[in-house]
């Protein structure tokens, strides 16, 4: 499956959007924990 093709149905696009959102949230939490660890 290629991400370059624009042939997505709503289910696939929804899964991709939710996955991207949660990866972004994970990165934010990792940065927060690292900052808290460094400040102590």
PDB file of N, CA and C in Angstrom:
ATOM      1  N   UNK A   1       0.844  -1.193   0.000  1.00  0.00           N
ATOM      2  CA  UNK A   1       0.000   0.000   0.000  1.00  0.00           C
ATOM      3  C   UNK A   1       0.882   1.246   0.000  1.00  0.00           C
ATOM      4  N   UNK A   2       0.591   2.158  -0.842  1.00  0.00           N
ATOM      5  CA  UNK A   2       1.407   3.366  -0.965  1.00  0.00           C
ATOM      6  C   UNK A   2       0.671   4.565  -0.390  1.00  0.00           C
ATOM      7  N   UNK A   3       1.388   5.370   0.368  1.00  0.00           N
ATOM      8  CA  UNK A   3       0.768   6.562   0.939  1.00  0.00           C
ATOM      9  C   UNK A   3       0.655   7.680  -0.097  1.00  0.00           C
ATOM     10  N   UNK A   4       1.342   7.537  -1.231  1.00  0.00           N
ATOM     11  CA  UNK A   4       1.281   8.582  -2.243  1.00  0.00           C
ATOM     12  C   UNK A   4      -0.042   8.576  -2.992  1.00  0.00           C
ATOM     13  N   UNK A   5      -0.670   7.415  -3.084  1.00  0.00           N
ATOM     14  CA  UNK A   5      -1.955   7.383  -3.785  1.00  0.00           C
ATOM     15  C   UNK A   5      -3.017   8.017  -2.903  1.00  0.00           C
ATOM     16  N   UNK A   6      -3.858   8.840  -3.465  1.00  0.00           N
ATOM     17  CA  UNK A   6      -4.869   9.548  -2.698  1.00  0.00           C
ATOM     18  C   UNK A   6      -6.163   8.776  -2.577  1.00  0.00           C
ATOM     19  N   UNK A   7      -6.117   7.472  -2.782  1.00  0.00           N
ATOM     20  CA  UNK A   7      -7.340   6.671  -2.782  1.00  0.00           C
ATOM     21  C   UNK A   7      -7.606   6.099  -1.401  1.00  0.00           C
ATOM     22  N   UNK A   8      -8.021   6.939  -0.484  1.00  0.00           N
ATOM     23  CA  UNK A   8      -8.353   6.500   0.870  1.00  0.00           C
ATOM     24  C   UNK A   8      -9.857   6.526   1.043  1.00  0.00           C
ATOM     25  N   UNK A   9     -10.374   5.541   1.745  1.00  0.00           N
ATOM     26  CA  UNK A   9     -11.759   5.682   2.175  1.00  0.00           C
ATOM     27  C   UNK A   9     -11.742   6.315   3.565  1.00  0.00           C
ATOM     28  N   UNK A  10     -12.912   6.632   4.105  1.00  0.00           N
ATOM     29  CA  UNK A  10     -12.957   7.359   5.373  1.00  0.00           C
ATOM     30  C   UNK A  10     -12.387   6.537   6.518  1.00  0.00           C
ATOM     31  N   UNK A  11     -12.537   5.211   6.476  1.00  0.00           N
ATOM     32  CA  UNK A  11     -12.009   4.372   7.545  1.00  0.00           C
ATOM     33  C   UNK A  11     -10.502   4.439   7.632  1.00  0.00           C
ATOM     34  N   UNK A  12      -9.837   4.311   6.493  1.00  0.00           N
ATOM     35  CA  UNK A  12      -8.375   4.343   6.502  1.00  0.00           C
ATOM     36  C   UNK A  12      -7.860   5.715   6.907  1.00  0.00           C
ATOM     37  N   UNK A  13      -8.509   6.754   6.425  1.00  0.00           N
ATOM     38  CA  UNK A  13      -8.061   8.102   6.775  1.00  0.00           C
ATOM     39  C   UNK A  13      -8.275   8.358   8.263  1.00  0.00           C
ATOM     40  N   UNK A  14      -9.383   7.865   8.815  1.00  0.00           N
ATOM     41  CA  UNK A  14      -9.638   8.029  10.243  1.00  0.00           C
ATOM     42  C   UNK A  14      -8.600   7.315  11.084  1.00  0.00           C
ATOM     43  N   UNK A  15      -8.255   6.086  10.691  1.00  0.00           N
ATOM     44  CA  UNK A  15      -7.242   5.329  11.434  1.00  0.00           C
ATOM     45  C   UNK A  15      -5.903   6.046  11.363  1.00  0.00           C
ATOM     46  N   UNK A  16      -5.539   6.555  10.198  1.00  0.00           N
ATOM     47  CA  UNK A  16      -4.269   7.269  10.052  1.00  0.00           C
ATOM     48  C   UNK A  16      -4.259   8.532  10.908  1.00  0.00           C
ATOM     49  N   UNK A  17      -5.373   9.257  10.940  1.00  0.00           N
ATOM     50  CA  UNK A  17      -5.441  10.489  11.724  1.00  0.00           C
ATOM     51  C   UNK A  17      -5.341  10.205  13.215  1.00  0.00           C
ATOM     52  N   UNK A  18      -6.072   9.195  13.685  1.00  0.00           N
ATOM     53  CA  UNK A  18      -6.032   8.850  15.112  1.00  0.00           C
ATOM     54  C   UNK A  18      -4.644   8.367  15.499  1.00  0.00           C
ATOM     55  N   UNK A  19      -4.033   7.553  14.653  1.00  0.00           N
ATOM     56  CA  UNK A  19      -2.687   7.053  14.934  1.00  0.00           C
ATOM     57  C   UNK A  19      -1.687   8.204  15.017  1.00  0.00           C
ATOM     58  N   UNK A  20      -1.772   9.125  14.080  1.00  0.00           N
ATOM     59  CA  UNK A  20      -0.865  10.275  14.080  1.00  0.00           C
ATOM     60  C   UNK A  20      -1.066  11.124  15.331  1.00  0.00           C
ATOM     61  N   UNK A  21      -2.330  11.327  15.727  1.00  0.00           N
ATOM     62  CA  UNK A  21      -2.635  12.114  16.917  1.00  0.00           C
ATOM     63  C   UNK A  21      -2.012  11.485  18.158  1.00  0.00           C
ATOM     64  N   UNK A  22      -2.173  10.163  18.341  1.00  0.00           N
ATOM     65  CA  UNK A  22      -1.653   9.526  19.549  1.00  0.00           C
ATOM     66  C   UNK A  22      -0.132   9.471  19.547  1.00  0.00           C
ATOM     67  N   UNK A  23       0.500   9.358  18.381  1.00  0.00           N
ATOM     68  CA  UNK A  23       1.955   9.434  18.344  1.00  0.00           C
ATOM     69  C   UNK A  23       2.418  10.824  18.771  1.00  0.00           C
ATOM     70  N   UNK A  24       1.690  11.859  18.346  1.00  0.00           N
ATOM     71  CA  UNK A  24       2.017  13.223  18.745  1.00  0.00           C
ATOM     72  C   UNK A  24       1.882  13.383  20.257  1.00  0.00           C
ATOM     73  N   UNK A  25       0.806  12.842  20.849  1.00  0.00           N
ATOM     74  CA  UNK A  25       0.602  12.903  22.298  1.00  0.00           C
ATOM     75  C   UNK A  25       1.741  12.181  23.019  1.00  0.00           C
ATOM     76  N   UNK A  26       2.160  11.020  22.510  1.00  0.00           N
ATOM     77  CA  UNK A  26       3.274  10.291  23.126  1.00  0.00           C
ATOM     78  C   UNK A  26       4.547  11.122  23.124  1.00  0.00           C
ATOM     79  N   UNK A  27       4.823  11.796  22.021  1.00  0.00           N
ATOM     80  CA  UNK A  27       6.032  12.627  21.945  1.00  0.00           C
ATOM     81  C   UNK A  27       5.969  13.753  22.964  1.00  0.00           C
ATOM     82  N   UNK A  28       4.805  14.376  23.129  1.00  0.00           N
ATOM     83  CA  UNK A  28       4.653  15.449  24.114  1.00  0.00           C
ATOM     84  C   UNK A  28       4.929  14.929  25.518  1.00  0.00           C
ATOM     85  N   UNK A  29       4.371  13.752  25.876  1.00  0.00           N
ATOM     86  CA  UNK A  29       4.603  13.190  27.210  1.00  0.00           C
ATOM     87  C   UNK A  29       6.077  12.862  27.428  1.00  0.00           C
ATOM     88  N   UNK A  30       6.741  12.327  26.415  1.00  0.00           N
ATOM     89  CA  UNK A  30       8.167  12.008  26.556  1.00  0.00           C
ATOM     90  C   UNK A  30       8.963  13.282  26.807  1.00  0.00           C
ATOM     91  N   UNK A  31       8.660  14.351  26.071  1.00  0.00           N
ATOM     92  CA  UNK A  31       9.363  15.623  26.271  1.00  0.00           C
ATOM     93  C   UNK A  31       9.102  16.159  27.675  1.00  0.00           C
ATOM     94  N   UNK A  32       7.849  16.088  28.140  1.00  0.00           N
ATOM     95  CA  UNK A  32       7.530  16.569  29.488  1.00  0.00           C
ATOM     96  C   UNK A  32       8.306  15.796  30.552  1.00  0.00           C
ATOM     97  N   UNK A  33       8.317  14.468  30.446  1.00  0.00           N
ATOM     98  CA  UNK A  33       9.042  13.677  31.437  1.00  0.00           C
ATOM     99  C   UNK A  33      10.538  13.975  31.404  1.00  0.00           C
ATOM    100  N   UNK A  34      11.105  14.160  30.220  1.00  0.00           N
ATOM    101  CA  UNK A  34      12.527  14.487  30.137  1.00  0.00           C
ATOM    102  C   UNK A  34      12.812  15.851  30.766  1.00  0.00           C
ATOM    103  N   UNK A  35      11.960  16.836  30.504  1.00  0.00           N
ATOM    104  CA  UNK A  35      12.168  18.159  31.095  1.00  0.00           C
ATOM    105  C   UNK A  35      12.075  18.101  32.618  1.00  0.00           C
ATOM    106  N   UNK A  36      11.085  17.378  33.136  1.00  0.00           N
ATOM    107  CA  UNK A  36      10.938  17.249  34.592  1.00  0.00           C
ATOM    108  C   UNK A  36      12.157  16.547  35.186  1.00  0.00           C
ATOM    109  N   UNK A  37      12.648  15.513  34.497  1.00  0.00           N
ATOM    110  CA  UNK A  37      13.815  14.776  34.989  1.00  0.00           C
ATOM    111  C   UNK A  37      15.059  15.671  34.998  1.00  0.00           C
ATOM    112  N   UNK A  38      15.223  16.491  33.970  1.00  0.00           N
ATOM    113  CA  UNK A  38      16.405  17.354  33.874  1.00  0.00           C
ATOM    114  C   UNK A  38      16.355  18.446  34.932  1.00  0.00           C
ATOM    115  N   UNK A  39      15.157  18.992  35.211  1.00  0.00           N
ATOM    116  CA  UNK A  39      15.046  20.089  36.168  1.00  0.00           C
ATOM    117  C   UNK A  39      15.299  19.657  37.601  1.00  0.00           C
ATOM    118  N   UNK A  40      15.177  18.385  37.905  1.00  0.00           N
ATOM    119  CA  UNK A  40      15.362  17.956  39.305  1.00  0.00           C
ATOM    120  C   UNK A  40      16.823  17.829  39.663  1.00  0.00           C
TER     121      UNK A  40
END
